[in-house]
């Protein structure tokens, strides 16, 4: 989600309690010896170091990210030692490195906010996790672009390890964003309609699949391109009801489309600018438009008529803030993950197109992730 935001380093209770740098590297922790279990060679790791994609200043990722060896600390009583399995490169990761995201880590910092790891050792007081469990971060800032890590038990949450690796690695951001936007803003019933732009994005594809599983119609707007027919077919194959070009929103034929499904209760905007304004025009009276991204880097303009005569609601959503707002009650997060994983296990929710890249080839992956209109998510395989 590329957002043209001025940077403010926010410090919620979670961030104050666990600063990015200490959570990422844990190089200055002080514990009584009685509460420390030293590194276990039986876990299959031969050294107390890990390979890490680290940045010490903000700027161009190609210039600031370096592959370095970092010492692993002892494992505390409430810690787990994990081996990272796979971690994607998301736009927000790039923005953090550039220094343009809404929250920024203390430096030096490990790149990456999403990914899946396997627990290889647990501290003596850990009771919610066991060796072999797959886990993902509960919040942004754990630093997932590395081979191993020592993390607090409460900083991760478990997943079933029988789902595809790429689905697990990309579960924590886009599918969670899609799920919350679909069900937190309007009371959608089977047969209702959602309209969205950026429909071929990771969030967009998750919206299509989750909505289809609930028998909710989706009108999916994408930019015109030479491969539009193939992309349209691909989105319909995963459950899209309609796939249209942006210019269709401004043409009379859109009225024909609304003869086959109701006008949307919910619009999801990941683009901004004129695209967002066009979504608003087609909402039902009293409907909601939720903005989660701004790829066009243009402001959202709301016509006065939409507010007065249609009483539309204009909202925003950021999954990081949602997770922090619910950090004291894991049950809601757990219920969402359980439902998403059930959809994955049923074959109703798949990962977006991904390119797997070895950690040592990180430069190639970063370059690819920063290209405009990229069609595949870059995933670092550890």
Protein backbone atom coordinates (compact mmCIF):
# COMPACT_ATOMS: atom_id res chain seq x y z
CA UNK A 1 0.00 0.00 0.00
CA UNK A 2 2.00 2.95 -1.24
CA UNK A 3 0.77 5.99 0.67
CA UNK A 4 2.08 9.52 -0.02
CA UNK A 5 2.15 10.36 3.66
CA UNK A 6 4.39 12.66 5.61
CA UNK A 7 6.30 10.54 8.06
CA UNK A 8 5.43 10.56 11.73
CA UNK A 9 7.08 8.07 14.05
CA UNK A 10 4.11 6.85 16.07
CA UNK A 11 4.63 5.34 19.49
CA UNK A 12 1.71 3.26 20.67
CA UNK A 13 1.90 1.26 23.89
CA UNK A 14 3.03 -1.72 21.84
CA UNK A 15 5.80 0.23 20.18
CA UNK A 16 6.92 1.88 23.42
CA UNK A 17 6.98 -1.46 25.16
CA UNK A 18 8.98 -3.09 22.42
CA UNK A 19 10.97 -0.67 20.29
CA UNK A 20 11.75 -1.84 16.80
CA UNK A 21 15.47 -2.05 17.38
CA UNK A 22 15.22 -4.09 20.55
CA UNK A 23 12.62 -6.39 19.06
CA UNK A 24 14.65 -6.89 15.93
CA UNK A 25 18.10 -7.46 17.31
CA UNK A 26 17.67 -7.96 21.06
CA UNK A 27 21.30 -7.20 21.62
CA UNK A 28 20.97 -5.36 24.91
CA UNK A 29 18.55 -7.44 26.94
CA UNK A 30 19.32 -8.03 30.61
CA UNK A 31 18.04 -11.08 32.41
CA UNK A 32 18.88 -13.13 35.44
CA UNK A 33 20.85 -16.20 34.50
CA UNK A 34 18.12 -18.35 36.02
CA UNK A 35 15.70 -17.19 33.35
CA UNK A 36 17.99 -17.74 30.36
CA UNK A 37 18.16 -20.92 28.32
CA UNK A 38 21.20 -20.76 26.05
CA UNK A 39 21.18 -21.63 22.38
CA UNK A 40 20.29 -25.22 21.63
CA UNK A 41 22.45 -27.02 19.07
CA UNK A 42 19.84 -29.78 19.04
CA UNK A 43 17.56 -27.37 17.21
CA UNK A 44 19.66 -27.97 14.12
CA UNK A 45 21.41 -24.59 14.00
CA UNK A 46 25.17 -24.62 14.19
CA UNK A 47 25.96 -21.03 15.19
CA UNK A 48 24.60 -18.24 17.36
CA UNK A 49 24.36 -15.86 14.42
CA UNK A 50 21.82 -15.22 11.71
CA UNK A 51 21.98 -13.66 8.27
CA UNK A 52 20.04 -10.39 8.24
CA UNK A 53 18.99 -7.77 5.72
CA UNK A 54 19.82 -4.69 7.75
CA UNK A 55 19.62 -0.96 7.08
CA UNK A 56 21.36 1.70 9.14
CA UNK A 57 19.88 4.76 7.44
CA UNK A 58 16.85 5.63 5.35
CA UNK A 59 17.10 5.93 1.60
CA UNK A 60 17.05 3.93 -1.62
CA UNK A 61 16.78 0.25 -0.63
CA UNK A 62 19.36 -0.71 -3.25
CA UNK A 63 21.84 1.54 -1.46
CA UNK A 64 20.90 1.06 2.18
CA UNK A 65 20.05 -2.64 2.61
CA UNK A 66 23.01 -4.90 3.40
CA UNK A 67 23.22 -8.64 4.10
CA UNK A 68 25.03 -8.96 7.44
CA UNK A 69 25.70 -11.57 10.12
CA UNK A 70 24.09 -10.60 13.42
CA UNK A 71 24.59 -12.29 16.79
CA UNK A 72 21.59 -14.06 18.27
CA UNK A 73 20.94 -13.36 21.97
CA UNK A 74 20.23 -16.04 24.58
CA UNK A 75 16.66 -17.33 24.66
CA UNK A 76 14.71 -15.95 27.60
CA UNK A 77 12.10 -17.83 29.54
CA UNK A 78 9.24 -16.24 27.57
CA UNK A 79 11.06 -16.25 24.21
CA UNK A 80 11.09 -18.52 21.19
CA UNK A 81 13.88 -19.20 18.72
CA UNK A 82 12.46 -19.29 15.20
CA UNK A 83 13.80 -20.09 11.78
CA UNK A 84 12.32 -17.79 9.15
CA UNK A 85 10.93 -19.75 6.22
CA UNK A 86 9.68 -17.10 3.81
CA UNK A 87 9.03 -13.34 3.88
CA UNK A 88 7.50 -11.14 1.16
CA UNK A 89 8.60 -7.69 0.07
CA UNK A 90 5.61 -5.37 0.43
CA UNK A 91 5.29 -1.70 -0.60
CA UNK A 92 5.15 -0.71 3.08
CA UNK A 93 8.52 -2.43 3.62
CA UNK A 94 10.02 -0.31 0.85
CA UNK A 95 8.44 2.84 2.27
CA UNK A 96 9.90 2.09 5.72
CA UNK A 97 13.40 1.78 4.28
CA UNK A 98 12.92 4.97 2.30
CA UNK A 99 11.74 6.75 5.44
CA UNK A 100 8.35 7.70 4.01
CA UNK A 101 6.01 5.37 5.92
CA UNK A 102 3.67 6.43 8.73
CA UNK A 103 5.72 4.53 11.32
CA UNK A 104 9.47 4.12 11.26
CA UNK A 105 11.75 1.82 13.24
CA UNK A 106 14.69 2.85 15.34
CA UNK A 107 17.90 2.30 13.39
CA UNK A 108 19.61 0.00 12.69
CA UNK A 109 16.62 -2.09 11.67
CA UNK A 110 15.92 -5.40 9.97
CA UNK A 111 13.73 -5.11 6.89
CA UNK A 112 10.41 -6.85 6.45
CA UNK A 113 7.15 -6.83 8.40
CA UNK A 114 5.49 -10.01 7.17
CA UNK A 115 6.48 -13.65 6.84
CA UNK A 116 6.23 -17.11 8.34
CA UNK A 117 8.68 -18.82 10.65
CA UNK A 118 9.02 -22.20 12.36
CA UNK A 119 9.63 -22.50 16.09
CA UNK A 120 12.82 -24.47 16.80
CA UNK A 121 13.20 -23.84 20.55
CA UNK A 122 11.00 -22.43 23.31
CA UNK A 123 11.83 -20.81 26.63
CA UNK A 124 10.98 -22.52 29.90
CA UNK A 125 7.85 -20.40 30.55
CA UNK A 126 6.40 -20.47 27.03
CA UNK A 127 3.01 -22.16 27.06
CA UNK A 128 1.23 -21.17 23.83
CA UNK A 129 3.83 -22.44 21.35
CA UNK A 130 5.84 -25.60 20.80
CA UNK A 131 8.70 -26.74 18.60
CA UNK A 132 7.56 -27.18 15.01
CA UNK A 133 4.78 -24.58 15.14
CA UNK A 134 4.49 -22.12 12.29
CA UNK A 135 4.13 -18.51 13.44
CA UNK A 136 3.61 -15.07 11.93
CA UNK A 137 4.13 -11.62 13.51
CA UNK A 138 1.23 -10.07 15.38
CA UNK A 139 2.39 -6.55 14.54
CA UNK A 140 4.68 -4.66 12.20
CA UNK A 141 8.33 -4.23 13.10
CA UNK A 142 9.68 -7.66 13.97
CA UNK A 143 12.05 -7.69 11.03
CA UNK A 144 11.33 -10.77 8.94
CA UNK A 145 14.13 -10.54 6.35
CA UNK A 146 16.56 -12.79 8.21
CA UNK A 147 17.26 -16.45 8.69
CA UNK A 148 16.63 -16.82 12.45
CA UNK A 149 15.38 -14.70 15.33
CA UNK A 150 14.77 -14.76 19.06
CA UNK A 151 11.32 -13.28 19.64
CA UNK A 152 8.96 -12.82 22.56
CA UNK A 153 6.19 -15.41 22.71
CA UNK A 154 3.57 -12.64 22.71
CA UNK A 155 4.95 -11.09 19.50
CA UNK A 156 3.89 -14.00 17.27
CA UNK A 157 0.79 -16.10 16.68
CA UNK A 158 0.61 -19.66 15.40
CA UNK A 159 -0.79 -20.95 12.11
CA UNK A 160 -1.54 -24.49 10.92
CA UNK A 161 1.53 -25.86 9.18
CA UNK A 162 -0.46 -27.75 6.57
CA UNK A 163 -1.22 -24.68 4.43
CA UNK A 164 1.01 -23.69 1.48
CA UNK A 165 4.17 -21.85 2.47
CA UNK A 166 3.44 -18.83 0.27
CA UNK A 167 -0.09 -18.55 1.66
CA UNK A 168 1.30 -18.52 5.19
CA UNK A 169 4.04 -16.02 4.33
CA UNK A 170 1.57 -13.55 2.81
CA UNK A 171 -1.34 -14.02 5.23
CA UNK A 172 -0.71 -11.30 7.79
CA UNK A 173 -1.25 -8.15 5.71
CA UNK A 174 -3.33 -8.36 2.53
CA UNK A 175 -5.87 -11.08 3.44
CA UNK A 176 -6.35 -9.53 6.90
CA UNK A 177 -6.87 -6.12 5.30
CA UNK A 178 -9.42 -7.57 2.88
CA UNK A 179 -11.26 -9.48 5.61
CA UNK A 180 -11.60 -6.53 7.96
CA UNK A 181 -12.73 -4.11 5.25
CA UNK A 182 -15.38 -6.54 4.01
CA UNK A 183 -16.93 -7.11 7.41
CA UNK A 184 -16.19 -4.10 9.64
CA UNK A 185 -17.89 -1.31 7.68
CA UNK A 186 -21.11 -2.66 6.13
CA UNK A 187 -23.37 -5.57 7.03
CA UNK A 188 -22.92 -7.50 3.80
CA UNK A 189 -25.26 -10.37 3.01
CA UNK A 190 -25.14 -13.01 0.23
CA UNK A 191 -26.17 -11.29 -2.99
CA UNK A 192 -24.86 -7.86 -1.96
CA UNK A 193 -22.21 -6.12 -4.06
CA UNK A 194 -18.76 -4.68 -3.39
CA UNK A 195 -16.91 -2.52 -5.91
CA UNK A 196 -13.13 -2.07 -5.77
CA UNK A 197 -10.27 -0.57 -7.73
CA UNK A 198 -6.75 -2.09 -7.69
CA UNK A 199 -8.56 -5.40 -8.06
CA UNK A 200 -5.46 -7.25 -9.24
CA UNK A 201 -3.44 -6.23 -6.18
CA UNK A 202 -2.80 -8.60 -3.28
CA UNK A 203 -5.63 -7.02 -1.29
CA UNK A 204 -7.89 -7.00 -4.34
CA UNK A 205 -7.40 -10.70 -5.04
CA UNK A 206 -8.08 -11.52 -1.39
CA UNK A 207 -11.27 -9.41 -1.48
CA UNK A 208 -12.48 -11.34 -4.53
CA UNK A 209 -11.92 -14.73 -2.94
CA UNK A 210 -13.25 -13.96 0.54
CA UNK A 211 -16.34 -12.28 -0.94
CA UNK A 212 -16.96 -15.21 -3.29
CA UNK A 213 -16.82 -17.61 -0.34
CA UNK A 214 -19.62 -15.55 1.27
CA UNK A 215 -21.55 -15.33 -2.04
CA UNK A 216 -21.02 -11.58 -2.26
CA UNK A 217 -20.76 -10.04 -5.75
CA UNK A 218 -17.63 -8.11 -6.66
CA UNK A 219 -17.20 -5.48 -9.38
CA UNK A 220 -13.47 -5.31 -9.98
CA UNK A 221 -11.91 -2.28 -11.65
CA UNK A 222 -8.47 -2.46 -13.24
CA UNK A 223 -6.50 -0.20 -15.56
CA UNK A 224 -6.62 -0.92 -19.26
CA UNK A 225 -3.60 -2.84 -20.54
CA UNK A 226 -2.70 -5.12 -23.46
CA UNK A 227 -3.20 -8.24 -21.34
CA UNK A 228 -6.60 -7.14 -19.98
CA UNK A 229 -8.48 -10.21 -21.30
CA UNK A 230 -6.03 -12.62 -19.66
CA UNK A 231 -6.06 -10.71 -16.37
CA UNK A 232 -9.86 -10.54 -16.44
CA UNK A 233 -10.06 -14.30 -16.96
CA UNK A 234 -7.61 -14.89 -14.09
CA UNK A 235 -9.62 -12.75 -11.67
CA UNK A 236 -12.88 -14.42 -12.71
CA UNK A 237 -11.26 -17.81 -12.16
CA UNK A 238 -10.71 -16.93 -8.49
CA UNK A 239 -14.28 -15.69 -8.05
CA UNK A 240 -14.67 -12.19 -9.51
CA UNK A 241 -18.27 -11.49 -10.60
CA UNK A 242 -17.39 -8.67 -12.99
CA UNK A 243 -14.05 -7.26 -14.19
CA UNK A 244 -14.15 -3.89 -15.91
CA UNK A 245 -11.78 -1.17 -17.07
CA UNK A 246 -11.67 2.16 -15.24
CA UNK A 247 -13.18 4.02 -18.20
CA UNK A 248 -16.25 1.74 -18.08
CA UNK A 249 -17.24 3.43 -14.81
CA UNK A 250 -17.88 6.61 -16.82
CA UNK A 251 -19.80 4.99 -19.68
CA UNK A 252 -23.52 4.18 -20.13
CA UNK A 253 -22.86 0.42 -20.21
CA UNK A 254 -22.27 0.46 -16.46
CA UNK A 255 -26.08 0.72 -16.14
CA UNK A 256 -26.41 -2.63 -17.88
CA UNK A 257 -24.08 -4.20 -15.33
CA UNK A 258 -26.33 -3.06 -12.47
CA UNK A 259 -29.20 -5.00 -14.03
CA UNK A 260 -27.36 -8.19 -13.06
CA UNK A 261 -26.40 -7.25 -9.50
CA UNK A 262 -27.39 -4.60 -6.93
CA UNK A 263 -25.55 -1.33 -6.64
CA UNK A 264 -22.67 -1.71 -4.19
CA UNK A 265 -23.02 -1.13 -0.47
CA UNK A 266 -19.24 -0.98 -0.12
CA UNK A 267 -16.44 0.51 -2.22
CA UNK A 268 -12.78 -0.31 -1.52
CA UNK A 269 -10.25 2.26 -2.71
CA UNK A 270 -6.55 1.47 -3.04
CA UNK A 271 -5.81 4.06 -5.73
CA UNK A 272 -7.22 7.50 -4.89
CA UNK A 273 -7.71 10.38 -7.31
CA UNK A 274 -10.38 10.15 -10.03
CA UNK A 275 -10.67 6.41 -9.58
CA UNK A 276 -11.94 6.86 -6.03
CA UNK A 277 -14.42 9.54 -7.12
CA UNK A 278 -15.85 7.19 -9.75
CA UNK A 279 -16.34 4.45 -7.13
CA UNK A 280 -18.30 6.90 -4.98
CA UNK A 281 -20.66 7.71 -7.86
CA UNK A 282 -21.90 4.13 -7.99
CA UNK A 283 -22.44 3.48 -4.29
CA UNK A 284 -25.90 2.83 -2.88
CA UNK A 285 -27.46 5.56 -0.77
CA UNK A 286 -25.83 5.36 2.65
CA UNK A 287 -22.99 3.15 1.41
CA UNK A 288 -19.35 3.30 2.52
CA UNK A 289 -16.09 3.88 0.68
CA UNK A 290 -13.06 2.62 2.58
CA UNK A 291 -9.60 3.83 1.51
CA UNK A 292 -6.61 1.61 2.32
CA UNK A 293 -4.03 2.80 -0.22
CA UNK A 294 -3.12 5.63 -2.55
CA UNK A 295 -1.22 4.24 -5.50
CA UNK A 296 -2.10 7.21 -7.69
CA UNK A 297 -0.61 9.56 -5.07
CA UNK A 298 -3.59 11.85 -5.63
CA UNK A 299 -6.09 13.05 -3.02
CA UNK A 300 -9.54 11.56 -2.66
CA UNK A 301 -12.12 14.08 -3.88
CA UNK A 302 -15.65 13.61 -2.55
CA UNK A 303 -18.44 15.32 -4.53
CA UNK A 304 -20.73 17.40 -2.32
CA UNK A 305 -23.73 15.70 -3.93
CA UNK A 306 -22.53 12.30 -2.72
CA UNK A 307 -22.53 13.55 0.85
CA UNK A 308 -25.81 15.47 0.73
CA UNK A 309 -28.02 13.37 -1.50
CA UNK A 310 -26.53 9.90 -0.99
CA UNK A 311 -25.21 10.25 2.56
CA UNK A 312 -22.15 8.17 1.72
CA UNK A 313 -19.61 7.42 4.42
CA UNK A 314 -15.92 7.96 3.65
CA UNK A 315 -13.60 5.94 5.88
CA UNK A 316 -10.01 4.75 6.06
CA UNK A 317 -8.41 1.49 7.14
CA UNK A 318 -4.89 0.50 8.18
CA UNK A 319 -4.41 -3.10 9.29
CA UNK A 320 -1.44 -2.21 11.51
CA UNK A 321 -3.63 0.10 13.58
CA UNK A 322 -6.37 -2.53 13.74
CA UNK A 323 -3.92 -5.06 15.13
CA UNK A 324 -2.71 -2.61 17.75
CA UNK A 325 -6.25 -1.67 18.73
CA UNK A 326 -6.96 -5.36 19.34
CA UNK A 327 -3.61 -6.32 20.87
CA UNK A 328 -5.17 -6.89 24.29
CA UNK A 329 -7.69 -9.41 22.98
CA UNK A 330 -6.11 -12.08 20.82
CA UNK A 331 -9.44 -13.85 20.31
CA UNK A 332 -10.57 -11.52 17.51
CA UNK A 333 -7.29 -11.86 15.64
CA UNK A 334 -7.30 -15.62 16.19
CA UNK A 335 -10.87 -15.96 14.89
CA UNK A 336 -9.96 -14.05 11.73
CA UNK A 337 -6.83 -16.15 11.11
CA UNK A 338 -8.78 -19.35 11.72
CA UNK A 339 -11.37 -18.39 9.12
CA UNK A 340 -8.75 -17.33 6.58
CA UNK A 341 -6.77 -20.54 7.10
CA UNK A 342 -9.95 -22.57 6.72
CA UNK A 343 -10.56 -20.89 3.35
CA UNK A 344 -6.97 -21.71 2.36
CA UNK A 345 -7.39 -25.34 3.38
CA UNK A 346 -10.59 -25.54 1.34
CA UNK A 347 -8.84 -24.11 -1.72
CA UNK A 348 -11.00 -20.97 -1.62
CA UNK A 349 -8.18 -18.53 -0.82
CA UNK A 350 -4.84 -18.69 -2.60
CA UNK A 351 -1.73 -16.54 -2.41
CA UNK A 352 -1.20 -13.94 -5.14
CA UNK A 353 1.30 -14.68 -7.88
CA UNK A 354 4.73 -14.83 -6.22
CA UNK A 355 8.34 -15.01 -7.33
CA UNK A 356 10.53 -16.93 -4.88
CA UNK A 357 14.02 -15.50 -4.43
CA UNK A 358 16.85 -16.73 -2.22
CA UNK A 359 17.95 -14.39 0.54
CA UNK A 360 21.39 -13.97 -1.05
CA UNK A 361 19.66 -12.60 -4.17
CA UNK A 362 17.86 -9.88 -2.22
CA UNK A 363 19.08 -7.09 -4.52
CA UNK A 364 17.28 -8.64 -7.47
CA UNK A 365 14.11 -9.07 -5.41
CA UNK A 366 14.17 -5.46 -4.18
CA UNK A 367 14.67 -4.13 -7.69
CA UNK A 368 11.77 -6.20 -8.98
CA UNK A 369 9.50 -5.16 -6.09
CA UNK A 370 10.08 -1.49 -6.87
CA UNK A 371 9.12 -1.72 -10.54
CA UNK A 372 5.78 -0.07 -11.44
CA UNK A 373 2.86 -2.35 -12.27
CA UNK A 374 4.68 -5.42 -11.02
CA UNK A 375 2.51 -8.51 -11.42
CA UNK A 376 4.19 -10.85 -8.91
CA UNK A 377 5.02 -10.40 -5.25
CA UNK A 378 8.69 -10.99 -4.43
CA UNK A 379 9.11 -13.52 -1.60
CA UNK A 380 12.46 -14.14 0.09
CA UNK A 381 13.04 -17.83 0.80
CA UNK A 382 15.39 -18.46 3.70
